[in-house]
Amino acid sequence: MTVLFLPEVEEYIYELIDILYHKNYFGFKENAYIYVNDLVQDIYTYLPTKQRKVAPPYFDRYGSNLYYASFRKNKNTTWYVFFNIYQHHDETVFFVRYIANNHVIAQYLLY
């Protein structure tokens, strides 16, 4: 199994380090880097085995036939990863199209 990220998602991940640091979620940029790196590693490691749900229609703007999985990072923040699943030569590919947290998109998810 392979996990790939849309280039825009990769760019957001790099920007997220600065966003978290400049909004004072972390006192040191290194801690923001560790947090984001852990999130990315969790996605690579666990996305293929995570329980997934069909994404609500609101998220069709990021692609059709999307699924999403959640990654809880602390008691206040859960990250949602939106992706497609493809078969490419006997290999399953998880293609990440969008990432956001509960502070941004919770109102669009159907629980």
N, C-alpha and C. Protein backbone atom coordinates (compact mmCIF):
# COMPACT_ATOMS: atom_id res chain seq x y z
N MET A 1 0.84 -1.18 0.00
CA MET A 1 0.00 0.00 0.00
C MET A 1 0.88 1.24 0.00
N THR A 2 0.40 2.24 -0.72
CA THR A 2 1.14 3.49 -0.84
C THR A 2 0.23 4.65 -0.47
N VAL A 3 0.79 5.64 0.21
CA VAL A 3 0.06 6.87 0.51
C VAL A 3 0.76 8.01 -0.24
N LEU A 4 -0.02 8.71 -1.05
CA LEU A 4 0.49 9.86 -1.81
C LEU A 4 -0.31 11.09 -1.45
N PHE A 5 0.32 12.26 -1.57
CA PHE A 5 -0.34 13.52 -1.26
C PHE A 5 -0.42 14.39 -2.51
N LEU A 6 -1.55 15.03 -2.69
CA LEU A 6 -1.69 16.04 -3.73
C LEU A 6 -0.67 17.15 -3.45
N PRO A 7 -0.03 17.73 -4.46
CA PRO A 7 0.97 18.78 -4.20
C PRO A 7 0.45 19.92 -3.32
N GLU A 8 -0.80 20.30 -3.49
CA GLU A 8 -1.37 21.37 -2.66
C GLU A 8 -1.43 20.96 -1.20
N VAL A 9 -1.66 19.69 -0.94
CA VAL A 9 -1.69 19.19 0.43
C VAL A 9 -0.28 19.22 1.02
N GLU A 10 0.69 18.81 0.25
CA GLU A 10 2.08 18.87 0.72
C GLU A 10 2.47 20.31 1.06
N GLU A 11 2.07 21.25 0.21
CA GLU A 11 2.37 22.66 0.47
C GLU A 11 1.71 23.13 1.77
N TYR A 12 0.46 22.75 1.98
CA TYR A 12 -0.24 23.12 3.20
C TYR A 12 0.47 22.55 4.43
N ILE A 13 0.94 21.32 4.33
CA ILE A 13 1.63 20.69 5.46
C ILE A 13 2.88 21.49 5.83
N TYR A 14 3.63 21.93 4.83
CA TYR A 14 4.82 22.75 5.12
C TYR A 14 4.42 24.09 5.75
N GLU A 15 3.36 24.69 5.24
CA GLU A 15 2.88 25.97 5.78
C GLU A 15 2.33 25.80 7.19
N LEU A 16 1.78 24.64 7.48
CA LEU A 16 1.16 24.39 8.78
C LEU A 16 2.14 24.60 9.93
N ILE A 17 3.38 24.27 9.72
CA ILE A 17 4.39 24.48 10.76
C ILE A 17 4.44 25.95 11.14
N ASP A 18 4.53 26.84 10.14
CA ASP A 18 4.57 28.28 10.41
C ASP A 18 3.25 28.78 10.99
N ILE A 19 2.14 28.27 10.48
CA ILE A 19 0.83 28.69 10.98
C ILE A 19 0.71 28.39 12.47
N LEU A 20 1.04 27.17 12.85
CA LEU A 20 0.92 26.77 14.26
C LEU A 20 1.87 27.56 15.15
N TYR A 21 3.05 27.85 14.65
CA TYR A 21 4.02 28.62 15.44
C TYR A 21 3.59 30.08 15.56
N HIS A 22 3.20 30.70 14.46
CA HIS A 22 2.86 32.13 14.48
C HIS A 22 1.54 32.41 15.20
N LYS A 23 0.67 31.41 15.27
CA LYS A 23 -0.58 31.59 16.03
C LYS A 23 -0.42 31.18 17.50
N ASN A 24 0.83 30.94 17.89
CA ASN A 24 1.20 30.64 19.27
C ASN A 24 0.60 29.34 19.82
N TYR A 25 0.36 28.38 18.93
CA TYR A 25 -0.04 27.06 19.42
C TYR A 25 1.17 26.33 19.99
N PHE A 26 2.36 26.75 19.52
CA PHE A 26 3.61 26.19 20.02
C PHE A 26 4.57 27.34 20.29
N GLY A 27 5.29 27.26 21.38
CA GLY A 27 6.23 28.31 21.74
C GLY A 27 7.52 28.26 20.95
N PHE A 28 7.83 27.09 20.41
CA PHE A 28 9.05 26.93 19.62
C PHE A 28 8.68 26.32 18.27
N LYS A 29 9.30 26.83 17.23
CA LYS A 29 9.03 26.33 15.89
C LYS A 29 9.36 24.84 15.79
N GLU A 30 10.39 24.42 16.50
CA GLU A 30 10.77 23.01 16.48
C GLU A 30 9.63 22.12 16.97
N ASN A 31 8.88 22.57 17.99
CA ASN A 31 7.75 21.79 18.48
C ASN A 31 6.62 21.71 17.45
N ALA A 32 6.40 22.79 16.72
CA ALA A 32 5.40 22.78 15.65
C ALA A 32 5.82 21.80 14.56
N TYR A 33 7.12 21.78 14.26
CA TYR A 33 7.64 20.85 13.26
C TYR A 33 7.42 19.41 13.72
N ILE A 34 7.71 19.12 14.97
CA ILE A 34 7.53 17.76 15.51
C ILE A 34 6.06 17.34 15.43
N TYR A 35 5.16 18.25 15.80
CA TYR A 35 3.72 17.97 15.76
C TYR A 35 3.27 17.62 14.34
N VAL A 36 3.66 18.46 13.37
CA VAL A 36 3.26 18.24 11.98
C VAL A 36 3.91 16.97 11.44
N ASN A 37 5.16 16.76 11.76
CA ASN A 37 5.85 15.56 11.30
C ASN A 37 5.17 14.31 11.86
N ASP A 38 4.78 14.34 13.13
CA ASP A 38 4.06 13.20 13.72
C ASP A 38 2.73 12.95 13.01
N LEU A 39 2.02 14.03 12.67
CA LEU A 39 0.76 13.90 11.95
C LEU A 39 0.99 13.21 10.59
N VAL A 40 1.99 13.67 9.87
CA VAL A 40 2.28 13.09 8.56
C VAL A 40 2.68 11.62 8.70
N GLN A 41 3.51 11.32 9.68
CA GLN A 41 3.92 9.93 9.90
C GLN A 41 2.71 9.06 10.25
N ASP A 42 1.79 9.58 11.05
CA ASP A 42 0.57 8.84 11.38
C ASP A 42 -0.24 8.55 10.12
N ILE A 43 -0.32 9.53 9.24
CA ILE A 43 -1.07 9.34 7.99
C ILE A 43 -0.42 8.24 7.15
N TYR A 44 0.88 8.32 6.96
CA TYR A 44 1.58 7.28 6.19
C TYR A 44 1.41 5.90 6.82
N THR A 45 1.50 5.84 8.12
CA THR A 45 1.47 4.55 8.81
C THR A 45 0.07 3.96 8.95
N TYR A 46 -0.89 4.79 9.33
CA TYR A 46 -2.19 4.28 9.74
C TYR A 46 -3.34 4.50 8.76
N LEU A 47 -3.19 5.38 7.79
CA LEU A 47 -4.32 5.64 6.88
C LEU A 47 -4.85 4.36 6.23
N PRO A 48 -3.99 3.48 5.74
CA PRO A 48 -4.52 2.28 5.09
C PRO A 48 -5.36 1.38 6.01
N THR A 49 -5.15 1.46 7.32
CA THR A 49 -5.88 0.58 8.23
C THR A 49 -6.95 1.30 9.05
N LYS A 50 -7.02 2.60 8.91
CA LYS A 50 -8.01 3.39 9.67
C LYS A 50 -9.43 3.11 9.17
N GLN A 51 -10.37 3.22 10.10
CA GLN A 51 -11.77 3.16 9.69
C GLN A 51 -12.04 4.39 8.83
N ARG A 52 -12.68 4.21 7.71
CA ARG A 52 -12.96 5.34 6.82
C ARG A 52 -14.47 5.47 6.61
N LYS A 53 -14.84 6.71 6.33
CA LYS A 53 -16.24 7.02 6.06
C LYS A 53 -16.32 7.75 4.72
N VAL A 54 -17.48 7.68 4.11
CA VAL A 54 -17.70 8.42 2.87
C VAL A 54 -17.81 9.90 3.23
N ALA A 55 -17.09 10.73 2.50
CA ALA A 55 -17.09 12.17 2.77
C ALA A 55 -18.44 12.78 2.38
N PRO A 56 -18.94 13.72 3.19
CA PRO A 56 -20.18 14.42 2.84
C PRO A 56 -20.02 15.21 1.54
N PRO A 57 -21.13 15.51 0.88
CA PRO A 57 -21.09 16.22 -0.40
C PRO A 57 -20.32 17.55 -0.37
N TYR A 58 -20.28 18.22 0.77
CA TYR A 58 -19.54 19.48 0.87
C TYR A 58 -18.10 19.32 0.36
N PHE A 59 -17.51 18.18 0.58
CA PHE A 59 -16.10 17.96 0.26
C PHE A 59 -15.86 17.51 -1.18
N ASP A 60 -16.92 17.45 -1.99
CA ASP A 60 -16.77 17.12 -3.41
C ASP A 60 -15.89 18.13 -4.13
N ARG A 61 -15.73 19.31 -3.56
CA ARG A 61 -14.86 20.33 -4.17
C ARG A 61 -13.41 19.88 -4.22
N TYR A 62 -13.06 18.87 -3.44
CA TYR A 62 -11.68 18.35 -3.41
C TYR A 62 -11.52 17.07 -4.21
N GLY A 63 -12.60 16.59 -4.77
CA GLY A 63 -12.56 15.38 -5.59
C GLY A 63 -13.83 14.57 -5.40
N SER A 64 -14.09 13.69 -6.33
CA SER A 64 -15.29 12.87 -6.23
C SER A 64 -14.95 11.54 -5.56
N ASN A 65 -15.97 10.92 -5.01
CA ASN A 65 -15.83 9.62 -4.35
C ASN A 65 -14.79 9.62 -3.25
N LEU A 66 -14.79 10.67 -2.44
CA LEU A 66 -13.82 10.79 -1.35
C LEU A 66 -14.26 10.02 -0.11
N TYR A 67 -13.26 9.57 0.60
CA TYR A 67 -13.42 9.02 1.93
C TYR A 67 -12.68 9.94 2.90
N TYR A 68 -12.95 9.77 4.18
CA TYR A 68 -12.15 10.49 5.16
C TYR A 68 -11.89 9.60 6.37
N ALA A 69 -10.79 9.90 7.03
CA ALA A 69 -10.41 9.22 8.27
C ALA A 69 -9.96 10.28 9.25
N SER A 70 -10.11 9.99 10.53
CA SER A 70 -9.73 10.97 11.54
C SER A 70 -8.48 10.54 12.29
N PHE A 71 -7.71 11.56 12.69
CA PHE A 71 -6.48 11.37 13.45
C PHE A 71 -6.52 12.34 14.63
N ARG A 72 -6.75 11.80 15.80
CA ARG A 72 -6.83 12.64 17.00
C ARG A 72 -5.42 12.90 17.51
N LYS A 73 -5.05 14.18 17.60
CA LYS A 73 -3.70 14.54 18.02
C LYS A 73 -3.63 14.97 19.48
N ASN A 74 -4.73 15.48 20.01
CA ASN A 74 -4.80 15.82 21.44
C ASN A 74 -6.26 15.95 21.82
N LYS A 75 -6.54 16.34 23.05
CA LYS A 75 -7.94 16.35 23.50
C LYS A 75 -8.80 17.39 22.77
N ASN A 76 -8.17 18.38 22.15
CA ASN A 76 -8.92 19.44 21.47
C ASN A 76 -8.93 19.34 19.95
N THR A 77 -7.99 18.62 19.38
CA THR A 77 -7.83 18.68 17.93
C THR A 77 -7.82 17.29 17.30
N THR A 78 -8.69 17.14 16.32
CA THR A 78 -8.72 15.96 15.47
C THR A 78 -8.51 16.43 14.04
N TRP A 79 -7.62 15.78 13.34
CA TRP A 79 -7.36 16.07 11.93
C TRP A 79 -8.13 15.10 11.07
N TYR A 80 -8.69 15.62 9.99
CA TYR A 80 -9.45 14.80 9.04
C TYR A 80 -8.71 14.78 7.72
N VAL A 81 -8.50 13.58 7.22
CA VAL A 81 -7.76 13.37 5.99
C VAL A 81 -8.75 12.84 4.94
N PHE A 82 -8.87 13.55 3.84
CA PHE A 82 -9.80 13.20 2.76
C PHE A 82 -8.99 12.61 1.62
N PHE A 83 -9.45 11.48 1.10
CA PHE A 83 -8.63 10.74 0.14
C PHE A 83 -9.47 9.88 -0.79
N ASN A 84 -8.84 9.47 -1.88
CA ASN A 84 -9.38 8.47 -2.79
C ASN A 84 -8.55 7.20 -2.64
N ILE A 85 -9.13 6.10 -3.05
CA ILE A 85 -8.42 4.83 -3.06
C ILE A 85 -8.41 4.33 -4.49
N TYR A 86 -7.23 4.01 -4.99
CA TYR A 86 -7.05 3.51 -6.34
C TYR A 86 -6.30 2.19 -6.31
N GLN A 87 -6.51 1.40 -7.33
CA GLN A 87 -5.70 0.21 -7.57
C GLN A 87 -4.79 0.52 -8.73
N HIS A 88 -3.50 0.31 -8.54
CA HIS A 88 -2.52 0.54 -9.60
C HIS A 88 -1.60 -0.68 -9.64
N HIS A 89 -1.77 -1.51 -10.66
CA HIS A 89 -0.97 -2.74 -10.78
C HIS A 89 -1.00 -3.55 -9.50
N ASP A 90 -1.95 -4.08 -9.02
CA ASP A 90 -1.97 -4.91 -7.79
C ASP A 90 -1.59 -4.17 -6.52
N GLU A 91 -1.46 -2.86 -6.56
CA GLU A 91 -1.12 -2.09 -5.36
C GLU A 91 -2.26 -1.12 -5.06
N THR A 92 -2.59 -1.00 -3.78
CA THR A 92 -3.60 -0.05 -3.35
C THR A 92 -2.92 1.28 -3.04
N VAL A 93 -3.45 2.34 -3.64
CA VAL A 93 -2.89 3.68 -3.46
C VAL A 93 -3.93 4.55 -2.76
N PHE A 94 -3.52 5.18 -1.66
CA PHE A 94 -4.35 6.14 -0.94
C PHE A 94 -3.86 7.52 -1.34
N PHE A 95 -4.72 8.27 -2.03
CA PHE A 95 -4.33 9.56 -2.58
C PHE A 95 -4.99 10.68 -1.76
N VAL A 96 -4.21 11.35 -0.92
CA VAL A 96 -4.72 12.38 -0.02
C VAL A 96 -4.95 13.67 -0.79
N ARG A 97 -6.20 14.18 -0.71
CA ARG A 97 -6.58 15.36 -1.46
C ARG A 97 -6.82 16.60 -0.59
N TYR A 98 -7.03 16.40 0.71
CA TYR A 98 -7.35 17.53 1.58
C TYR A 98 -7.13 17.10 3.03
N ILE A 99 -6.64 18.04 3.84
CA ILE A 99 -6.47 17.82 5.27
C ILE A 99 -6.96 19.07 5.99
N ALA A 100 -7.73 18.86 7.05
CA ALA A 100 -8.17 19.98 7.89
C ALA A 100 -8.49 19.44 9.27
N ASN A 101 -8.64 20.34 10.23
CA ASN A 101 -8.94 19.88 11.58
C ASN A 101 -10.37 20.24 11.98
N ASN A 102 -10.78 19.74 13.12
CA ASN A 102 -12.15 19.95 13.60
C ASN A 102 -12.47 21.42 13.83
N HIS A 103 -11.48 22.25 14.10
CA HIS A 103 -11.73 23.67 14.33
C HIS A 103 -12.18 24.36 13.05
N VAL A 104 -11.85 23.78 11.91
CA VAL A 104 -12.15 24.40 10.61
C VAL A 104 -13.37 23.76 9.94
N ILE A 105 -13.51 22.44 10.04
CA ILE A 105 -14.53 21.77 9.22
C ILE A 105 -15.58 20.98 9.98
N ALA A 106 -15.57 21.00 11.28
CA ALA A 106 -16.49 20.15 12.05
C ALA A 106 -17.95 20.37 11.64
N GLN A 107 -18.31 21.59 11.30
CA GLN A 107 -19.71 21.86 10.95
C GLN A 107 -20.14 21.20 9.65
N TYR A 108 -19.18 20.74 8.83
CA TYR A 108 -19.51 20.11 7.54
C TYR A 108 -19.53 18.60 7.60
N LEU A 109 -19.12 18.05 8.72
CA LEU A 109 -19.11 16.59 8.86
C LEU A 109 -20.41 16.12 9.48
N LEU A 110 -20.89 15.00 8.99
CA LEU A 110 -22.10 14.41 9.54
C LEU A 110 -21.71 13.35 10.54
N TYR A 111 -22.10 13.52 11.76
CA TYR A 111 -21.71 12.55 12.78
C TYR A 111 -22.76 11.49 12.95
